[in-house]
């Protein structure tokens, strides 16, 4: 919590977000920028797939990323390999408690 400015810390306490911030700090502190980008993109993709009632898998996540003009170029980057997307799906399952993928 040392990196959080006092004003932000007051806000988090006021709105009951302190435990969430501690959780983020503990679980994601040593995660690289590239891995955070991968996790966040895969997370958004899985939320969209779930909202549409589609299965969540490496293939469907890659297809969704490819279909989004803002995201498509990410698939040319190493962090967005199929293996890394599979790892991200597993990590998201661990973080948020639903590791089910098809």
Protein backbone atom coordinates (compact mmCIF):
# COMPACT_ATOMS: atom_id res chain seq x y z
CA UNK A 1 0.00 0.00 0.00
CA UNK A 2 3.09 2.19 0.14
CA UNK A 3 2.68 3.27 -3.50
CA UNK A 4 -0.85 4.59 -3.02
CA UNK A 5 -1.11 8.31 -2.39
CA UNK A 6 -2.86 9.32 0.87
CA UNK A 7 -5.79 10.97 -0.92
CA UNK A 8 -6.43 7.84 -3.00
CA UNK A 9 -6.14 5.70 0.11
CA UNK A 10 -8.84 7.81 1.82
CA UNK A 11 -11.10 7.32 -1.21
CA UNK A 12 -10.58 3.56 -1.19
CA UNK A 13 -11.36 3.40 2.54
CA UNK A 14 -14.44 5.61 2.16
CA UNK A 15 -15.95 3.41 -0.54
CA UNK A 16 -14.95 0.07 0.93
CA UNK A 17 -12.38 -0.69 -1.74
CA UNK A 18 -9.35 -1.16 0.49
CA UNK A 19 -9.55 -4.98 0.50
CA UNK A 20 -9.86 -4.97 -3.30
CA UNK A 21 -6.80 -2.76 -3.62
CA UNK A 22 -4.86 -5.03 -1.26
CA UNK A 23 -5.93 -8.04 -3.35
CA UNK A 24 -4.77 -6.37 -6.59
CA UNK A 25 -1.49 -5.38 -4.99
CA UNK A 26 -0.84 -8.87 -3.61
CA UNK A 27 -1.87 -10.85 -6.71
CA UNK A 28 -0.66 -8.58 -9.49
CA UNK A 29 2.25 -6.65 -8.00
CA UNK A 30 4.97 -8.53 -9.87
CA UNK A 31 3.04 -8.89 -13.13
CA UNK A 32 4.72 -7.28 -16.13
CA UNK A 33 3.03 -4.61 -18.23
CA UNK A 34 2.79 -7.07 -21.15
CA UNK A 35 1.17 -9.70 -18.94
CA UNK A 36 -1.28 -7.15 -17.52
CA UNK A 37 -2.22 -6.16 -21.07
CA UNK A 38 -2.72 -9.82 -21.97
CA UNK A 39 -4.80 -10.50 -18.85
CA UNK A 40 -6.99 -7.44 -19.32
CA UNK A 41 -7.58 -8.09 -23.02
CA UNK A 42 -8.38 -11.76 -22.46
CA UNK A 43 -10.64 -10.81 -19.54
CA UNK A 44 -12.59 -8.33 -21.67
CA UNK A 45 -12.84 -10.91 -24.44
CA UNK A 46 -14.17 -13.58 -22.08
CA UNK A 47 -16.74 -11.18 -20.66
CA UNK A 48 -17.94 -10.36 -24.17
CA UNK A 49 -18.04 -14.03 -25.19
CA UNK A 50 -19.97 -14.89 -22.04
CA UNK A 51 -22.39 -12.00 -22.57
CA UNK A 52 -23.10 -13.31 -26.07
CA UNK A 53 -23.52 -16.86 -24.77
CA UNK A 54 -20.46 -18.17 -26.61
CA UNK A 55 -18.01 -20.77 -25.38
CA UNK A 56 -14.76 -19.49 -23.92
CA UNK A 57 -11.62 -21.10 -25.33
CA UNK A 58 -8.29 -20.04 -26.77
CA UNK A 59 -9.82 -20.20 -30.25
CA UNK A 60 -12.90 -18.10 -29.43
CA UNK A 61 -10.81 -15.55 -27.53
CA UNK A 62 -8.36 -15.27 -30.45
CA UNK A 63 -11.26 -14.96 -32.92
CA UNK A 64 -12.85 -12.19 -30.86
CA UNK A 65 -9.54 -10.32 -30.55
CA UNK A 66 -9.03 -10.66 -34.32
CA UNK A 67 -12.50 -9.26 -34.98
CA UNK A 68 -11.90 -6.07 -33.00
CA UNK A 69 -10.02 -3.43 -35.04
CA UNK A 70 -8.41 -1.97 -31.90
CA UNK A 71 -7.18 -5.38 -30.74
CA UNK A 72 -6.40 -7.33 -33.93
CA UNK A 73 -2.74 -6.24 -34.14
CA UNK A 74 -2.14 -7.65 -30.66
CA UNK A 75 -2.26 -11.15 -32.13
CA UNK A 76 1.02 -10.40 -33.93
CA UNK A 77 2.75 -9.83 -30.58
CA UNK A 78 4.42 -12.64 -28.63
CA UNK A 79 2.39 -12.10 -25.45
CA UNK A 80 -0.77 -12.96 -27.43
CA UNK A 81 0.32 -16.42 -28.58
CA UNK A 82 -2.18 -19.23 -28.18
CA UNK A 83 -0.14 -20.68 -25.33
CA UNK A 84 -0.07 -17.35 -23.50
CA UNK A 85 -3.82 -16.86 -23.98
CA UNK A 86 -4.37 -20.33 -22.49
CA UNK A 87 -2.17 -19.35 -19.54
CA UNK A 88 -4.12 -16.09 -19.15
CA UNK A 89 -7.43 -17.99 -19.15
CA UNK A 90 -6.10 -20.23 -16.39
CA UNK A 91 -4.79 -17.26 -14.38
CA UNK A 92 -8.13 -15.44 -14.72
CA UNK A 93 -9.86 -18.57 -13.46
CA UNK A 94 -7.55 -18.60 -10.46
CA UNK A 95 -8.03 -14.88 -9.79
CA UNK A 96 -11.78 -14.78 -10.24
CA UNK A 97 -12.73 -18.32 -9.31
CA UNK A 98 -14.06 -19.68 -12.60
CA UNK A 99 -11.45 -21.67 -14.43
CA UNK A 100 -13.93 -23.32 -16.79
CA UNK A 101 -13.05 -23.03 -20.46
CA UNK A 102 -14.01 -25.14 -23.43
